[in-house]
Amino acid sequence: MYGKIKRESDDLKRDIRLLNQENERLVKQLEQARVGQQSMVGTDKASSQNTAGDKDVARRLKKRELECQALWETLRDMYSS
């Protein structure tokens, strides 16, 4: 029984680590997009494409943050019981 809980805990920690790496990548991508958008003097079409891309990255980042939060809560519940 302890082995199963330990394995689940290790799996959840691995998932959290992978999600945190994905979050960092998405944050960098979002920052680069914002810097690129600020330095770009383009048409309205290019600007609207960047805005759509920023919204998609922000949405994915928020989703990852919620997943990380859920995993931490699961770990906390496992250790408290």
C-alpha atoms as a PDB file:
ATOM      1  CA  MET A   1       0.000   0.000   0.000  1.00  0.00           C
ATOM      2  CA  TYR A   2       2.783   2.427   0.901  1.00  0.00           C
ATOM      3  CA  GLY A   3       4.539   1.575  -2.359  1.00  0.00           C
ATOM      4  CA  LYS A   4       1.444   2.423  -4.373  1.00  0.00           C
ATOM      5  CA  ILE A   5       1.014   5.792  -2.647  1.00  0.00           C
ATOM      6  CA  LYS A   6       4.728   6.540  -3.051  1.00  0.00           C
ATOM      7  CA  ARG A   7       4.527   5.707  -6.769  1.00  0.00           C
ATOM      8  CA  GLU A   8       1.434   7.900  -7.227  1.00  0.00           C
ATOM      9  CA  SER A   9       3.143  10.708  -5.355  1.00  0.00           C
ATOM     10  CA  ASP A  10       6.235  10.414  -7.545  1.00  0.00           C
ATOM     11  CA  ASP A  11       4.071  10.401 -10.669  1.00  0.00           C
ATOM     12  CA  LEU A  12       2.229  13.525  -9.526  1.00  0.00           C
ATOM     13  CA  LYS A  13       5.497  15.287  -8.716  1.00  0.00           C
ATOM     14  CA  ARG A  14       6.801  14.409 -12.181  1.00  0.00           C
ATOM     15  CA  ASP A  15       3.608  15.752 -13.745  1.00  0.00           C
ATOM     16  CA  ILE A  16       3.931  18.965 -11.747  1.00  0.00           C
ATOM     17  CA  ARG A  17       7.556  19.364 -12.831  1.00  0.00           C
ATOM     18  CA  LEU A  18       6.590  18.862 -16.493  1.00  0.00           C
ATOM     19  CA  LEU A  19       3.706  21.326 -16.200  1.00  0.00           C
ATOM     20  CA  ASN A  20       5.959  23.892 -14.555  1.00  0.00           C
ATOM     21  CA  GLN A  21       8.411  23.531 -17.435  1.00  0.00           C
ATOM     22  CA  GLU A  22       5.547  24.012 -19.887  1.00  0.00           C
ATOM     23  CA  ASN A  23       4.435  27.093 -17.934  1.00  0.00           C
ATOM     24  CA  GLU A  24       7.917  28.584 -18.167  1.00  0.00           C
ATOM     25  CA  ARG A  25       7.995  27.917 -21.892  1.00  0.00           C
ATOM     26  CA  LEU A  26       4.579  29.522 -22.373  1.00  0.00           C
ATOM     27  CA  VAL A  27       5.546  32.569 -20.305  1.00  0.00           C
ATOM     28  CA  LYS A  28       8.686  33.035 -22.409  1.00  0.00           C
ATOM     29  CA  GLN A  29       6.641  32.621 -25.583  1.00  0.00           C
ATOM     30  CA  LEU A  30       4.118  35.179 -24.372  1.00  0.00           C
ATOM     31  CA  GLU A  31       6.856  37.657 -23.427  1.00  0.00           C
ATOM     32  CA  GLN A  32       8.552  37.216 -26.791  1.00  0.00           C
ATOM     33  CA  ALA A  33       5.254  37.747 -28.577  1.00  0.00           C
ATOM     34  CA  ARG A  34       4.639  40.947 -26.627  1.00  0.00           C
ATOM     35  CA  VAL A  35       8.144  42.237 -27.317  1.00  0.00           C
ATOM     36  CA  GLY A  36       7.769  41.319 -30.981  1.00  0.00           C
ATOM     37  CA  GLN A  37       4.413  43.037 -31.131  1.00  0.00           C
ATOM     38  CA  GLN A  38       5.778  46.207 -29.550  1.00  0.00           C
ATOM     39  CA  SER A  39       8.755  46.354 -31.889  1.00  0.00           C
ATOM     40  CA  MET A  40       6.714  45.470 -34.962  1.00  0.00           C
ATOM     41  CA  VAL A  41       5.319  48.292 -36.972  1.00  0.00           C
ATOM     42  CA  GLY A  42       3.035  46.209 -39.141  1.00  0.00           C
ATOM     43  CA  THR A  43      -0.385  46.173 -40.590  1.00  0.00           C
ATOM     44  CA  ASP A  44      -3.582  45.729 -38.632  1.00  0.00           C
ATOM     45  CA  LYS A  45      -3.723  42.132 -39.864  1.00  0.00           C
ATOM     46  CA  ALA A  46      -0.325  41.272 -38.349  1.00  0.00           C
ATOM     47  CA  SER A  47      -1.302  43.001 -35.148  1.00  0.00           C
ATOM     48  CA  SER A  48      -4.562  41.059 -34.887  1.00  0.00           C
ATOM     49  CA  GLN A  49      -2.718  37.782 -35.519  1.00  0.00           C
ATOM     50  CA  ASN A  50      -0.308  38.558 -32.668  1.00  0.00           C
ATOM     51  CA  THR A  51      -3.196  39.411 -30.363  1.00  0.00           C
ATOM     52  CA  ALA A  52      -4.921  36.120 -31.203  1.00  0.00           C
ATOM     53  CA  GLY A  53      -1.665  34.270 -30.569  1.00  0.00           C
ATOM     54  CA  ASP A  54      -1.199  36.059 -27.243  1.00  0.00           C
ATOM     55  CA  LYS A  55      -4.714  35.120 -26.169  1.00  0.00           C
ATOM     56  CA  ASP A  56      -4.108  31.481 -27.079  1.00  0.00           C
ATOM     57  CA  VAL A  57      -0.843  31.368 -25.129  1.00  0.00           C
ATOM     58  CA  ALA A  58      -2.445  33.096 -22.155  1.00  0.00           C
ATOM     59  CA  ARG A  59      -5.347  30.638 -22.231  1.00  0.00           C
ATOM     60  CA  ARG A  60      -3.003  27.647 -22.352  1.00  0.00           C
ATOM     61  CA  LEU A  61      -0.893  29.090 -19.551  1.00  0.00           C
ATOM     62  CA  LYS A  62      -3.960  29.568 -17.353  1.00  0.00           C
ATOM     63  CA  LYS A  63      -5.005  25.975 -18.078  1.00  0.00           C
ATOM     64  CA  ARG A  64      -1.558  24.710 -17.027  1.00  0.00           C
ATOM     65  CA  GLU A  65      -1.644  26.773 -13.844  1.00  0.00           C
ATOM     66  CA  LEU A  66      -5.007  25.243 -12.919  1.00  0.00           C
ATOM     67  CA  GLU A  67      -3.666  21.755 -13.609  1.00  0.00           C
ATOM     68  CA  CYS A  68      -0.644  22.411 -11.387  1.00  0.00           C
ATOM     69  CA  GLN A  69      -2.884  23.712  -8.630  1.00  0.00           C
ATOM     70  CA  ALA A  70      -5.069  20.600  -8.845  1.00  0.00           C
ATOM     71  CA  LEU A  71      -2.029  18.332  -8.686  1.00  0.00           C
ATOM     72  CA  TRP A  72      -0.656  20.134  -5.625  1.00  0.00           C
ATOM     73  CA  GLU A  73      -4.042  19.826  -3.922  1.00  0.00           C
ATOM     74  CA  THR A  74      -4.091  16.111  -4.717  1.00  0.00           C
ATOM     75  CA  LEU A  75      -0.624  15.692  -3.211  1.00  0.00           C
ATOM     76  CA  ARG A  76      -1.648  17.658  -0.140  1.00  0.00           C
ATOM     77  CA  ASP A  77      -4.742  15.470   0.274  1.00  0.00           C
ATOM     78  CA  MET A  78      -2.663  12.301  -0.122  1.00  0.00           C
ATOM     79  CA  TYR A  79      -0.243  13.354   2.614  1.00  0.00           C
ATOM     80  CA  SER A  80      -2.947  14.552   4.991  1.00  0.00           C
ATOM     81  CA  SER A  81      -4.896  11.282   4.854  1.00  0.00           C
END
